[in-house]
Amino acid sequence: MSATPKQAYSSRKYSRLVEWIAFNDNPGDDEPLAAVADYLTVVMVAHCYDLQPIRVAADVLNARKAGTK
């Protein structure tokens, strides 16, 4: 039996996805957490990692603040 998609994703891939969203999906906008949580990309990543979109959105905003790409 193969691993389910949620089990197969690594934290490194999650970080790369968060960084991609941070710097490519409305990267210049200074949006509140709730608005970022509604991004389709955020919702998709949250679904794949079995997380709440608000958690992924917080990570996206933290990546934007850190400014690392």
PDB file of N, CA and C in Angstrom:
ATOM      1  N   MET A   1       0.840  -1.166   0.000  1.00  0.00           N
ATOM      2  CA  MET A   1       0.000   0.000   0.000  1.00  0.00           C
ATOM      3  C   MET A   1       0.893   1.240   0.000  1.00  0.00           C
ATOM      4  N   SER A   2       0.587   2.174  -0.855  1.00  0.00           N
ATOM      5  CA  SER A   2       1.406   3.385  -0.916  1.00  0.00           C
ATOM      6  C   SER A   2       0.908   4.406   0.100  1.00  0.00           C
ATOM      7  N   ALA A   3       1.777   5.350   0.405  1.00  0.00           N
ATOM      8  CA  ALA A   3       1.442   6.409   1.364  1.00  0.00           C
ATOM      9  C   ALA A   3       0.389   7.330   0.767  1.00  0.00           C
ATOM     10  N   THR A   4      -0.448   7.840   1.617  1.00  0.00           N
ATOM     11  CA  THR A   4      -1.430   8.818   1.148  1.00  0.00           C
ATOM     12  C   THR A   4      -0.700  10.119   0.857  1.00  0.00           C
ATOM     13  N   PRO A   5      -1.260  10.975   0.010  1.00  0.00           N
ATOM     14  CA  PRO A   5      -0.579  12.237  -0.307  1.00  0.00           C
ATOM     15  C   PRO A   5      -0.215  13.044   0.930  1.00  0.00           C
ATOM     16  N   LYS A   6      -1.107  13.102   1.915  1.00  0.00           N
ATOM     17  CA  LYS A   6      -0.823  13.891   3.112  1.00  0.00           C
ATOM     18  C   LYS A   6       0.368  13.333   3.879  1.00  0.00           C
ATOM     19  N   GLN A   7       0.566  12.026   3.840  1.00  0.00           N
ATOM     20  CA  GLN A   7       1.693  11.426   4.536  1.00  0.00           C
ATOM     21  C   GLN A   7       2.989  11.573   3.745  1.00  0.00           C
ATOM     22  N   ALA A   8       2.886  11.715   2.454  1.00  0.00           N
ATOM     23  CA  ALA A   8       4.066  11.720   1.604  1.00  0.00           C
ATOM     24  C   ALA A   8       4.757  13.079   1.536  1.00  0.00           C
ATOM     25  N   TYR A   9       4.051  14.152   1.864  1.00  0.00           N
ATOM     26  CA  TYR A   9       4.638  15.487   1.758  1.00  0.00           C
ATOM     27  C   TYR A   9       5.618  15.738   2.895  1.00  0.00           C
ATOM     28  N   SER A  10       6.739  16.338   2.573  1.00  0.00           N
ATOM     29  CA  SER A  10       7.742  16.624   3.588  1.00  0.00           C
ATOM     30  C   SER A  10       7.637  18.072   4.054  1.00  0.00           C
ATOM     31  N   SER A  11       8.247  18.347   5.196  1.00  0.00           N
ATOM     32  CA  SER A  11       8.241  19.721   5.709  1.00  0.00           C
ATOM     33  C   SER A  11       9.071  20.637   4.810  1.00  0.00           C
ATOM     34  N   ARG A  12      10.074  20.086   4.150  1.00  0.00           N
ATOM     35  CA  ARG A  12      10.883  20.897   3.224  1.00  0.00           C
ATOM     36  C   ARG A  12      10.020  21.347   2.046  1.00  0.00           C
ATOM     37  N   LYS A  13       9.223  20.436   1.516  1.00  0.00           N
ATOM     38  CA  LYS A  13       8.334  20.799   0.416  1.00  0.00           C
ATOM     39  C   LYS A  13       7.308  21.824   0.889  1.00  0.00           C
ATOM     40  N   TYR A  14       6.802  21.656   2.101  1.00  0.00           N
ATOM     41  CA  TYR A  14       5.845  22.616   2.654  1.00  0.00           C
ATOM     42  C   TYR A  14       6.477  24.006   2.694  1.00  0.00           C
ATOM     43  N   SER A  15       7.698  24.086   3.178  1.00  0.00           N
ATOM     44  CA  SER A  15       8.388  25.382   3.256  1.00  0.00           C
ATOM     45  C   SER A  15       8.559  26.004   1.875  1.00  0.00           C
ATOM     46  N   ARG A  16       8.890  25.187   0.904  1.00  0.00           N
ATOM     47  CA  ARG A  16       9.046  25.699  -0.461  1.00  0.00           C
ATOM     48  C   ARG A  16       7.720  26.202  -1.013  1.00  0.00           C
ATOM     49  N   LEU A  17       6.640  25.504  -0.725  1.00  0.00           N
ATOM     50  CA  LEU A  17       5.318  25.947  -1.172  1.00  0.00           C
ATOM     51  C   LEU A  17       4.928  27.259  -0.508  1.00  0.00           C
ATOM     52  N   VAL A  18       5.177  27.366   0.784  1.00  0.00           N
ATOM     53  CA  VAL A  18       4.869  28.600   1.514  1.00  0.00           C
ATOM     54  C   VAL A  18       5.668  29.761   0.930  1.00  0.00           C
ATOM     55  N   GLU A  19       6.941  29.547   0.667  1.00  0.00           N
ATOM     56  CA  GLU A  19       7.768  30.602   0.080  1.00  0.00           C
ATOM     57  C   GLU A  19       7.265  30.981  -1.306  1.00  0.00           C
ATOM     58  N   TRP A  20       6.864  30.004  -2.100  1.00  0.00           N
ATOM     59  CA  TRP A  20       6.347  30.323  -3.428  1.00  0.00           C
ATOM     60  C   TRP A  20       5.112  31.201  -3.315  1.00  0.00           C
ATOM     61  N   ILE A  21       4.200  30.829  -2.444  1.00  0.00           N
ATOM     62  CA  ILE A  21       2.990  31.635  -2.260  1.00  0.00           C
ATOM     63  C   ILE A  21       3.365  33.032  -1.779  1.00  0.00           C
ATOM     64  N   ALA A  22       4.265  33.116  -0.828  1.00  0.00           N
ATOM     65  CA  ALA A  22       4.653  34.397  -0.250  1.00  0.00           C
ATOM     66  C   ALA A  22       5.195  35.360  -1.296  1.00  0.00           C
ATOM     67  N   PHE A  23       5.951  34.854  -2.246  1.00  0.00           N
ATOM     68  CA  PHE A  23       6.631  35.741  -3.186  1.00  0.00           C
ATOM     69  C   PHE A  23       6.045  35.743  -4.593  1.00  0.00           C
ATOM     70  N   ASN A  24       4.964  34.984  -4.810  1.00  0.00           N
ATOM     71  CA  ASN A  24       4.375  34.941  -6.149  1.00  0.00           C
ATOM     72  C   ASN A  24       2.868  35.182  -6.186  1.00  0.00           C
ATOM     73  N   ASP A  25       2.185  34.999  -5.087  1.00  0.00           N
ATOM     74  CA  ASP A  25       0.729  35.168  -5.053  1.00  0.00           C
ATOM     75  C   ASP A  25       0.423  36.472  -4.317  1.00  0.00           C
ATOM     76  N   ASN A  26       0.226  37.552  -5.076  1.00  0.00           N
ATOM     77  CA  ASN A  26       0.007  38.893  -4.519  1.00  0.00           C
ATOM     78  C   ASN A  26       1.143  39.310  -3.587  1.00  0.00           C
ATOM     79  N   PRO A  27       2.386  39.189  -4.020  1.00  0.00           N
ATOM     80  CA  PRO A  27       3.511  39.402  -3.112  1.00  0.00           C
ATOM     81  C   PRO A  27       3.664  40.819  -2.576  1.00  0.00           C
ATOM     82  N   GLY A  28       3.181  41.822  -3.284  1.00  0.00           N
ATOM     83  CA  GLY A  28       3.361  43.191  -2.819  1.00  0.00           C
ATOM     84  C   GLY A  28       2.227  43.691  -1.958  1.00  0.00           C
ATOM     85  N   ASP A  29       1.167  42.918  -1.876  1.00  0.00           N
ATOM     86  CA  ASP A  29       0.003  43.356  -1.120  1.00  0.00           C
ATOM     87  C   ASP A  29       0.229  43.149   0.372  1.00  0.00           C
ATOM     88  N   ASP A  30      -0.176  44.157   1.146  1.00  0.00           N
ATOM     89  CA  ASP A  30      -0.098  44.065   2.597  1.00  0.00           C
ATOM     90  C   ASP A  30      -1.484  43.694   3.105  1.00  0.00           C
ATOM     91  N   GLU A  31      -1.773  42.395   3.052  1.00  0.00           N
ATOM     92  CA  GLU A  31      -3.114  41.922   3.357  1.00  0.00           C
ATOM     93  C   GLU A  31      -3.179  41.322   4.756  1.00  0.00           C
ATOM     94  N   PRO A  32      -4.370  41.382   5.364  1.00  0.00           N
ATOM     95  CA  PRO A  32      -4.539  40.747   6.675  1.00  0.00           C
ATOM     96  C   PRO A  32      -4.533  39.229   6.569  1.00  0.00           C
ATOM     97  N   LEU A  33      -4.328  38.597   7.683  1.00  0.00           N
ATOM     98  CA  LEU A  33      -4.241  37.140   7.755  1.00  0.00           C
ATOM     99  C   LEU A  33      -5.472  36.460   7.145  1.00  0.00           C
ATOM    100  N   ALA A  34      -6.656  36.957   7.446  1.00  0.00           N
ATOM    101  CA  ALA A  34      -7.879  36.327   6.945  1.00  0.00           C
ATOM    102  C   ALA A  34      -7.951  36.371   5.425  1.00  0.00           C
ATOM    103  N   ALA A  35      -7.458  37.445   4.804  1.00  0.00           N
ATOM    104  CA  ALA A  35      -7.476  37.544   3.346  1.00  0.00           C
ATOM    105  C   ALA A  35      -6.516  36.536   2.727  1.00  0.00           C
ATOM    106  N   VAL A  36      -5.343  36.393   3.306  1.00  0.00           N
ATOM    107  CA  VAL A  36      -4.354  35.433   2.796  1.00  0.00           C
ATOM    108  C   VAL A  36      -4.882  34.008   2.965  1.00  0.00           C
ATOM    109  N   ALA A  37      -5.599  33.749   4.039  1.00  0.00           N
ATOM    110  CA  ALA A  37      -6.157  32.413   4.279  1.00  0.00           C
ATOM    111  C   ALA A  37      -7.177  32.032   3.216  1.00  0.00           C
ATOM    112  N   ASP A  38      -7.720  33.010   2.508  1.00  0.00           N
ATOM    113  CA  ASP A  38      -8.687  32.737   1.446  1.00  0.00           C
ATOM    114  C   ASP A  38      -8.054  32.527   0.074  1.00  0.00           C
ATOM    115  N   TYR A  39      -6.741  32.702  -0.056  1.00  0.00           N
ATOM    116  CA  TYR A  39      -6.082  32.446  -1.339  1.00  0.00           C
ATOM    117  C   TYR A  39      -6.299  30.977  -1.718  1.00  0.00           C
ATOM    118  N   LEU A  40      -6.568  30.739  -2.968  1.00  0.00           N
ATOM    119  CA  LEU A  40      -6.736  29.363  -3.428  1.00  0.00           C
ATOM    120  C   LEU A  40      -5.481  28.539  -3.161  1.00  0.00           C
ATOM    121  N   THR A  41      -4.321  29.128  -3.393  1.00  0.00           N
ATOM    122  CA  THR A  41      -3.065  28.397  -3.185  1.00  0.00           C
ATOM    123  C   THR A  41      -2.896  28.005  -1.722  1.00  0.00           C
ATOM    124  N   VAL A  42      -3.277  28.888  -0.817  1.00  0.00           N
ATOM    125  CA  VAL A  42      -3.177  28.602   0.617  1.00  0.00           C
ATOM    126  C   VAL A  42      -4.135  27.472   0.992  1.00  0.00           C
ATOM    127  N   VAL A  43      -5.342  27.535   0.488  1.00  0.00           N
ATOM    128  CA  VAL A  43      -6.335  26.495   0.789  1.00  0.00           C
ATOM    129  C   VAL A  43      -5.879  25.139   0.253  1.00  0.00           C
ATOM    130  N   MET A  44      -5.298  25.140  -0.934  1.00  0.00           N
ATOM    131  CA  MET A  44      -4.823  23.884  -1.514  1.00  0.00           C
ATOM    132  C   MET A  44      -3.688  23.277  -0.685  1.00  0.00           C
ATOM    133  N   VAL A  45      -2.730  24.097  -0.279  1.00  0.00           N
ATOM    134  CA  VAL A  45      -1.626  23.591   0.538  1.00  0.00           C
ATOM    135  C   VAL A  45      -2.164  23.098   1.884  1.00  0.00           C
ATOM    136  N   ALA A  46      -3.075  23.845   2.466  1.00  0.00           N
ATOM    137  CA  ALA A  46      -3.662  23.427   3.740  1.00  0.00           C
ATOM    138  C   ALA A  46      -4.334  22.066   3.598  1.00  0.00           C
ATOM    139  N   HIS A  47      -5.051  21.881   2.520  1.00  0.00           N
ATOM    140  CA  HIS A  47      -5.719  20.598   2.291  1.00  0.00           C
ATOM    141  C   HIS A  47      -4.702  19.461   2.149  1.00  0.00           C
ATOM    142  N   CYS A  48      -3.669  19.691   1.392  1.00  0.00           N
ATOM    143  CA  CYS A  48      -2.656  18.648   1.166  1.00  0.00           C
ATOM    144  C   CYS A  48      -1.927  18.256   2.440  1.00  0.00           C
ATOM    145  N   TYR A  49      -1.731  19.214   3.346  1.00  0.00           N
ATOM    146  CA  TYR A  49      -0.995  18.957   4.578  1.00  0.00           C
ATOM    147  C   TYR A  49      -1.903  18.776   5.791  1.00  0.00           C
ATOM    148  N   ASP A  50      -3.209  18.726   5.551  1.00  0.00           N
ATOM    149  CA  ASP A  50      -4.179  18.523   6.620  1.00  0.00           C
ATOM    150  C   ASP A  50      -4.036  19.598   7.706  1.00  0.00           C
ATOM    151  N   LEU A  51      -3.928  20.852   7.263  1.00  0.00           N
ATOM    152  CA  LEU A  51      -3.806  22.006   8.155  1.00  0.00           C
ATOM    153  C   LEU A  51      -4.976  22.946   7.931  1.00  0.00           C
ATOM    154  N   GLN A  52      -5.160  23.846   8.842  1.00  0.00           N
ATOM    155  CA  GLN A  52      -6.149  24.897   8.657  1.00  0.00           C
ATOM    156  C   GLN A  52      -5.526  25.984   7.766  1.00  0.00           C
ATOM    157  N   PRO A  53      -6.304  26.564   6.853  1.00  0.00           N
ATOM    158  CA  PRO A  53      -5.769  27.624   5.985  1.00  0.00           C
ATOM    159  C   PRO A  53      -5.169  28.801   6.763  1.00  0.00           C
ATOM    160  N   ILE A  54      -5.718  29.094   7.924  1.00  0.00           N
ATOM    161  CA  ILE A  54      -5.196  30.205   8.718  1.00  0.00           C
ATOM    162  C   ILE A  54      -3.752  29.939   9.164  1.00  0.00           C
ATOM    163  N   ARG A  55      -3.423  28.675   9.405  1.00  0.00           N
ATOM    164  CA  ARG A  55      -2.052  28.297   9.796  1.00  0.00           C
ATOM    165  C   ARG A  55      -1.095  28.503   8.632  1.00  0.00           C
ATOM    166  N   VAL A  56      -1.506  28.066   7.438  1.00  0.00           N
ATOM    167  CA  VAL A  56      -0.667  28.248   6.251  1.00  0.00           C
ATOM    168  C   VAL A  56      -0.520  29.738   5.950  1.00  0.00           C
ATOM    169  N   ALA A  57      -1.602  30.482   6.083  1.00  0.00           N
ATOM    170  CA  ALA A  57      -1.561  31.922   5.832  1.00  0.00           C
ATOM    171  C   ALA A  57      -0.582  32.611   6.778  1.00  0.00           C
ATOM    172  N   ALA A  58      -0.568  32.210   8.025  1.00  0.00           N
ATOM    173  CA  ALA A  58       0.383  32.784   8.984  1.00  0.00           C
ATOM    174  C   ALA A  58       1.819  32.502   8.559  1.00  0.00           C
ATOM    175  N   ASP A  59       2.071  31.294   8.086  1.00  0.00           N
ATOM    176  CA  ASP A  59       3.417  30.954   7.605  1.00  0.00           C
ATOM    177  C   ASP A  59       3.782  31.779   6.371  1.00  0.00           C
ATOM    178  N   VAL A  60       2.812  32.017   5.491  1.00  0.00           N
ATOM    179  CA  VAL A  60       3.050  32.846   4.300  1.00  0.00           C
ATOM    180  C   VAL A  60       3.416  34.271   4.723  1.00  0.00           C
ATOM    181  N   LEU A  61       2.662  34.833   5.640  1.00  0.00           N
ATOM    182  CA  LEU A  61       2.953  36.197   6.088  1.00  0.00           C
ATOM    183  C   LEU A  61       4.297  36.273   6.804  1.00  0.00           C
ATOM    184  N   ASN A  62       4.639  35.246   7.572  1.00  0.00           N
ATOM    185  CA  ASN A  62       5.953  35.216   8.226  1.00  0.00           C
ATOM    186  C   ASN A  62       7.075  35.155   7.205  1.00  0.00           C
ATOM    187  N   ALA A  63       6.879  34.395   6.137  1.00  0.00           N
ATOM    188  CA  ALA A  63       7.890  34.311   5.081  1.00  0.00           C
ATOM    189  C   ALA A  63       8.047  35.668   4.402  1.00  0.00           C
ATOM    190  N   ARG A  64       6.931  36.362   4.161  1.00  0.00           N
ATOM    191  CA  ARG A  64       7.010  37.694   3.549  1.00  0.00           C
ATOM    192  C   ARG A  64       7.765  38.661   4.450  1.00  0.00           C
ATOM    193  N   LYS A  65       7.493  38.599   5.749  1.00  0.00           N
ATOM    194  CA  LYS A  65       8.179  39.485   6.697  1.00  0.00           C
ATOM    195  C   LYS A  65       9.671  39.187   6.738  1.00  0.00           C
ATOM    196  N   ALA A  66      10.010  37.914   6.683  1.00  0.00           N
ATOM    197  CA  ALA A  66      11.421  37.516   6.726  1.00  0.00           C
ATOM    198  C   ALA A  66      12.149  37.955   5.461  1.00  0.00           C
ATOM    199  N   GLY A  67      11.387  38.022   4.361  1.00  0.00           N
ATOM    200  CA  GLY A  67      11.968  38.486   3.108  1.00  0.00           C
ATOM    201  C   GLY A  67      12.935  37.534   2.456  1.00  0.00           C
ATOM    202  N   THR A  68      12.958  36.311   2.892  1.00  0.00           N
ATOM    203  CA  THR A  68      13.859  35.330   2.289  1.00  0.00           C
ATOM    204  C   THR A  68      13.151  34.624   1.161  1.00  0.00           C
ATOM    205  N   LYS A  69      13.888  34.344   0.145  1.00  0.00           N
ATOM    206  CA  LYS A  69      13.323  33.651  -1.011  1.00  0.00           C
ATOM    207  C   LYS A  69      14.152  32.452  -1.354  1.00  0.00           C
TER     208      LYS A  69
END
